[in-house]
């Protein structure tokens, strides 16, 4: 049990080092980007086309993007595992 607690603490501390604390600056830059303007248009179009609220449309877009990211993360991970298996077989 102690090992798990130590490992969990270490994971959190390692992630803490990666956090960029310039939230406001980063958020402002993104809000002013043309990408956000395009996403806003997409939200409006999806909401009108599906006859749902803009909140629901935004959530659907985010969920779809997260699903895509998850699928590709899984795919790349499996490709890496397959490559490692092939390397280990060759040894």
N, C-alpha and C. Protein backbone atom coordinates (compact mmCIF):
# COMPACT_ATOMS: atom_id res chain seq x y z
N UNK A 1 0.82 -1.20 0.00
CA UNK A 1 0.00 0.00 0.00
C UNK A 1 0.86 1.26 0.00
N UNK A 2 1.96 1.23 0.72
CA UNK A 2 2.83 2.39 0.78
C UNK A 2 3.43 2.70 -0.59
N UNK A 3 3.77 1.65 -1.34
CA UNK A 3 4.35 1.85 -2.67
C UNK A 3 3.36 2.57 -3.59
N UNK A 4 2.09 2.20 -3.52
CA UNK A 4 1.07 2.85 -4.35
C UNK A 4 0.97 4.32 -4.00
N UNK A 5 0.96 4.62 -2.71
CA UNK A 5 0.87 6.02 -2.28
C UNK A 5 2.08 6.80 -2.76
N UNK A 6 3.25 6.23 -2.66
CA UNK A 6 4.46 6.90 -3.11
C UNK A 6 4.43 7.12 -4.63
N UNK A 7 4.00 6.11 -5.36
CA UNK A 7 3.94 6.23 -6.82
C UNK A 7 2.89 7.26 -7.25
N UNK A 8 1.73 7.24 -6.61
CA UNK A 8 0.70 8.23 -6.92
C UNK A 8 1.20 9.64 -6.66
N UNK A 9 1.86 9.85 -5.54
CA UNK A 9 2.42 11.16 -5.21
C UNK A 9 3.46 11.57 -6.24
N UNK A 10 4.30 10.64 -6.64
CA UNK A 10 5.34 10.94 -7.63
C UNK A 10 4.72 11.32 -8.97
N UNK A 11 3.67 10.62 -9.38
CA UNK A 11 3.00 10.95 -10.64
C UNK A 11 2.45 12.37 -10.59
N UNK A 12 1.79 12.70 -9.51
CA UNK A 12 1.21 14.04 -9.37
C UNK A 12 2.30 15.10 -9.39
N UNK A 13 3.39 14.87 -8.65
CA UNK A 13 4.48 15.84 -8.61
C UNK A 13 5.14 16.00 -9.98
N UNK A 14 5.29 14.92 -10.72
CA UNK A 14 5.87 15.00 -12.07
C UNK A 14 4.96 15.80 -13.00
N UNK A 15 3.66 15.58 -12.90
CA UNK A 15 2.71 16.33 -13.73
C UNK A 15 2.69 17.80 -13.36
N UNK A 16 2.89 18.10 -12.10
CA UNK A 16 2.88 19.47 -11.63
C UNK A 16 3.96 20.29 -12.34
N UNK A 17 5.08 19.67 -12.63
CA UNK A 17 6.18 20.37 -13.29
C UNK A 17 5.82 20.74 -14.73
N UNK A 18 4.89 20.03 -15.33
CA UNK A 18 4.50 20.26 -16.71
C UNK A 18 3.44 21.35 -16.87
N UNK A 19 2.82 21.77 -15.78
CA UNK A 19 1.71 22.72 -15.85
C UNK A 19 2.23 24.11 -16.22
N UNK A 20 1.60 24.68 -17.23
CA UNK A 20 1.92 26.05 -17.65
C UNK A 20 0.96 26.98 -16.92
N UNK A 21 1.49 27.86 -16.09
CA UNK A 21 0.63 28.69 -15.24
C UNK A 21 0.19 29.99 -15.90
N UNK A 22 0.47 30.18 -17.17
CA UNK A 22 0.06 31.39 -17.89
C UNK A 22 -1.35 31.22 -18.46
N UNK A 23 -2.30 30.85 -17.60
CA UNK A 23 -3.66 30.55 -18.04
C UNK A 23 -4.29 31.71 -18.79
N UNK A 24 -4.26 32.90 -18.19
CA UNK A 24 -4.95 34.04 -18.78
C UNK A 24 -4.38 34.39 -20.15
N UNK A 25 -3.08 34.41 -20.27
CA UNK A 25 -2.44 34.73 -21.53
C UNK A 25 -2.78 33.70 -22.61
N UNK A 26 -2.71 32.43 -22.23
CA UNK A 26 -3.02 31.36 -23.18
C UNK A 26 -4.47 31.41 -23.61
N UNK A 27 -5.38 31.62 -22.63
CA UNK A 27 -6.80 31.67 -22.93
C UNK A 27 -7.13 32.85 -23.84
N UNK A 28 -6.54 34.00 -23.57
CA UNK A 28 -6.77 35.19 -24.39
C UNK A 28 -6.32 34.95 -25.82
N UNK A 29 -5.15 34.35 -25.98
CA UNK A 29 -4.61 34.07 -27.32
C UNK A 29 -5.55 33.14 -28.09
N UNK A 30 -6.04 32.11 -27.42
CA UNK A 30 -6.95 31.16 -28.08
C UNK A 30 -8.28 31.83 -28.42
N UNK A 31 -8.81 32.62 -27.50
CA UNK A 31 -10.10 33.28 -27.74
C UNK A 31 -10.06 34.22 -28.94
N UNK A 32 -8.89 34.78 -29.21
CA UNK A 32 -8.75 35.71 -30.32
C UNK A 32 -8.36 35.02 -31.63
N UNK A 33 -8.25 33.71 -31.61
CA UNK A 33 -7.80 32.98 -32.79
C UNK A 33 -8.93 32.76 -33.80
N UNK A 34 -8.57 32.64 -35.07
CA UNK A 34 -9.59 32.35 -36.09
C UNK A 34 -10.21 30.97 -35.90
N UNK A 35 -9.52 30.09 -35.24
CA UNK A 35 -10.06 28.74 -34.99
C UNK A 35 -11.32 28.83 -34.14
N UNK A 36 -11.29 29.66 -33.11
CA UNK A 36 -12.46 29.82 -32.24
C UNK A 36 -13.62 30.42 -33.02
N UNK A 37 -13.32 31.35 -33.90
CA UNK A 37 -14.37 31.94 -34.74
C UNK A 37 -15.02 30.85 -35.61
N UNK A 38 -14.21 29.98 -36.18
CA UNK A 38 -14.74 28.88 -37.00
C UNK A 38 -15.55 27.91 -36.15
N UNK A 39 -15.06 27.59 -34.95
CA UNK A 39 -15.80 26.70 -34.07
C UNK A 39 -17.14 27.30 -33.67
N UNK A 40 -17.15 28.61 -33.45
CA UNK A 40 -18.41 29.27 -33.11
C UNK A 40 -19.42 29.11 -34.25
N UNK A 41 -18.95 29.29 -35.48
CA UNK A 41 -19.84 29.12 -36.64
C UNK A 41 -20.32 27.67 -36.73
N UNK A 42 -19.43 26.73 -36.45
CA UNK A 42 -19.81 25.32 -36.48
C UNK A 42 -20.86 25.00 -35.41
N UNK A 43 -20.70 25.58 -34.25
CA UNK A 43 -21.67 25.37 -33.17
C UNK A 43 -23.04 25.88 -33.58
N UNK A 44 -23.06 27.08 -34.15
CA UNK A 44 -24.33 27.68 -34.58
C UNK A 44 -24.97 26.81 -35.67
N UNK A 45 -24.17 26.40 -36.64
CA UNK A 45 -24.69 25.58 -37.74
C UNK A 45 -25.22 24.24 -37.24
N UNK A 46 -24.48 23.58 -36.35
CA UNK A 46 -24.93 22.30 -35.81
C UNK A 46 -26.21 22.48 -34.99
N UNK A 47 -26.26 23.51 -34.18
CA UNK A 47 -27.44 23.76 -33.35
C UNK A 47 -28.67 23.98 -34.22
N UNK A 48 -28.51 24.79 -35.25
CA UNK A 48 -29.66 25.06 -36.13
C UNK A 48 -30.03 23.82 -36.94
N UNK A 49 -29.02 23.12 -37.45
CA UNK A 49 -29.29 21.94 -38.28
C UNK A 49 -29.92 20.79 -37.51
N UNK A 50 -29.53 20.63 -36.26
CA UNK A 50 -30.05 19.53 -35.44
C UNK A 50 -31.19 19.96 -34.52
N UNK A 51 -31.50 21.25 -34.56
CA UNK A 51 -32.54 21.83 -33.70
C UNK A 51 -32.28 21.52 -32.22
N UNK A 52 -31.05 21.85 -31.83
CA UNK A 52 -30.64 21.69 -30.43
C UNK A 52 -30.06 23.02 -29.96
N UNK A 53 -29.83 23.12 -28.67
CA UNK A 53 -29.26 24.36 -28.14
C UNK A 53 -27.79 24.47 -28.52
N UNK A 54 -27.27 25.68 -28.45
CA UNK A 54 -25.85 25.88 -28.74
C UNK A 54 -24.99 25.15 -27.72
N UNK A 55 -25.44 25.10 -26.48
CA UNK A 55 -24.70 24.35 -25.45
C UNK A 55 -24.58 22.89 -25.84
N UNK A 56 -25.69 22.31 -26.29
CA UNK A 56 -25.68 20.90 -26.69
C UNK A 56 -24.79 20.69 -27.91
N UNK A 57 -24.83 21.62 -28.84
CA UNK A 57 -24.00 21.51 -30.04
C UNK A 57 -22.52 21.59 -29.67
N UNK A 58 -22.17 22.52 -28.80
CA UNK A 58 -20.78 22.65 -28.37
C UNK A 58 -20.31 21.37 -27.67
N UNK A 59 -21.18 20.81 -26.84
CA UNK A 59 -20.82 19.57 -26.15
C UNK A 59 -20.62 18.43 -27.13
N UNK A 60 -21.46 18.34 -28.14
CA UNK A 60 -21.32 17.28 -29.13
C UNK A 60 -20.01 17.42 -29.90
N UNK A 61 -19.64 18.64 -30.23
CA UNK A 61 -18.38 18.87 -30.94
C UNK A 61 -17.21 18.46 -30.07
N UNK A 62 -17.21 18.88 -28.82
CA UNK A 62 -16.11 18.53 -27.90
C UNK A 62 -16.05 17.03 -27.69
N UNK A 63 -17.19 16.38 -27.47
CA UNK A 63 -17.21 14.93 -27.26
C UNK A 63 -16.68 14.19 -28.49
N UNK A 64 -17.05 14.67 -29.68
CA UNK A 64 -16.57 14.04 -30.91
C UNK A 64 -15.06 14.19 -31.05
N UNK A 65 -14.55 15.39 -30.77
CA UNK A 65 -13.10 15.61 -30.84
C UNK A 65 -12.36 14.76 -29.81
N UNK A 66 -12.91 14.65 -28.62
CA UNK A 66 -12.29 13.80 -27.60
C UNK A 66 -12.30 12.34 -28.02
N UNK A 67 -13.41 11.90 -28.61
CA UNK A 67 -13.49 10.52 -29.10
C UNK A 67 -12.43 10.27 -30.17
N UNK A 68 -12.30 11.19 -31.12
CA UNK A 68 -11.29 11.05 -32.16
C UNK A 68 -9.89 10.98 -31.57
N UNK A 69 -9.61 11.87 -30.62
CA UNK A 69 -8.30 11.88 -29.98
C UNK A 69 -8.05 10.57 -29.26
N UNK A 70 -9.05 10.06 -28.58
CA UNK A 70 -8.92 8.80 -27.85
C UNK A 70 -8.69 7.63 -28.80
N UNK A 71 -9.43 7.61 -29.90
CA UNK A 71 -9.26 6.54 -30.89
C UNK A 71 -7.85 6.53 -31.43
N UNK A 72 -7.35 7.70 -31.81
CA UNK A 72 -6.00 7.77 -32.37
C UNK A 72 -4.93 7.49 -31.33
N UNK A 73 -5.16 7.90 -30.10
CA UNK A 73 -4.22 7.57 -29.02
C UNK A 73 -4.15 6.06 -28.84
N UNK A 74 -5.31 5.41 -28.82
CA UNK A 74 -5.34 3.95 -28.70
C UNK A 74 -4.66 3.28 -29.89
N UNK A 75 -4.93 3.78 -31.08
CA UNK A 75 -4.35 3.20 -32.29
C UNK A 75 -2.83 3.30 -32.25
N UNK A 76 -2.33 4.49 -31.95
CA UNK A 76 -0.87 4.69 -31.91
C UNK A 76 -0.25 3.84 -30.82
N UNK A 77 -0.91 3.74 -29.68
CA UNK A 77 -0.41 2.90 -28.59
C UNK A 77 -0.32 1.44 -29.04
N UNK A 78 -1.37 0.95 -29.69
CA UNK A 78 -1.37 -0.44 -30.15
C UNK A 78 -0.30 -0.67 -31.21
N UNK A 79 -0.10 0.30 -32.09
CA UNK A 79 0.96 0.19 -33.09
C UNK A 79 2.32 0.09 -32.40
N UNK A 80 2.51 0.91 -31.38
CA UNK A 80 3.77 0.86 -30.63
C UNK A 80 3.96 -0.47 -29.93
N UNK A 81 2.90 -1.00 -29.35
CA UNK A 81 2.97 -2.29 -28.67
C UNK A 81 3.30 -3.39 -29.67
N UNK A 82 2.66 -3.34 -30.84
CA UNK A 82 2.95 -4.34 -31.88
C UNK A 82 4.42 -4.26 -32.31
N UNK A 83 4.91 -3.06 -32.47
CA UNK A 83 6.32 -2.89 -32.87
C UNK A 83 7.25 -3.44 -31.79
N UNK A 84 6.92 -3.15 -30.53
CA UNK A 84 7.74 -3.69 -29.43
C UNK A 84 7.72 -5.21 -29.42
N UNK A 85 6.55 -5.79 -29.65
CA UNK A 85 6.45 -7.25 -29.70
C UNK A 85 7.33 -7.82 -30.80
N UNK A 86 7.30 -7.18 -31.97
CA UNK A 86 8.12 -7.63 -33.09
C UNK A 86 9.61 -7.51 -32.77
N UNK A 87 9.98 -6.43 -32.10
CA UNK A 87 11.39 -6.24 -31.73
C UNK A 87 11.80 -7.33 -30.73
N UNK A 88 10.93 -7.59 -29.75
CA UNK A 88 11.24 -8.58 -28.73
C UNK A 88 11.29 -10.00 -29.33
N UNK A 89 10.45 -10.26 -30.32
CA UNK A 89 10.48 -11.57 -30.99
C UNK A 89 11.80 -11.78 -31.70
N UNK A 90 12.34 -10.70 -32.25
CA UNK A 90 13.58 -10.79 -32.99
C UNK A 90 14.81 -10.99 -32.13
N UNK A 91 14.67 -10.75 -30.84
CA UNK A 91 15.84 -10.86 -29.95
C UNK A 91 16.04 -12.27 -29.48
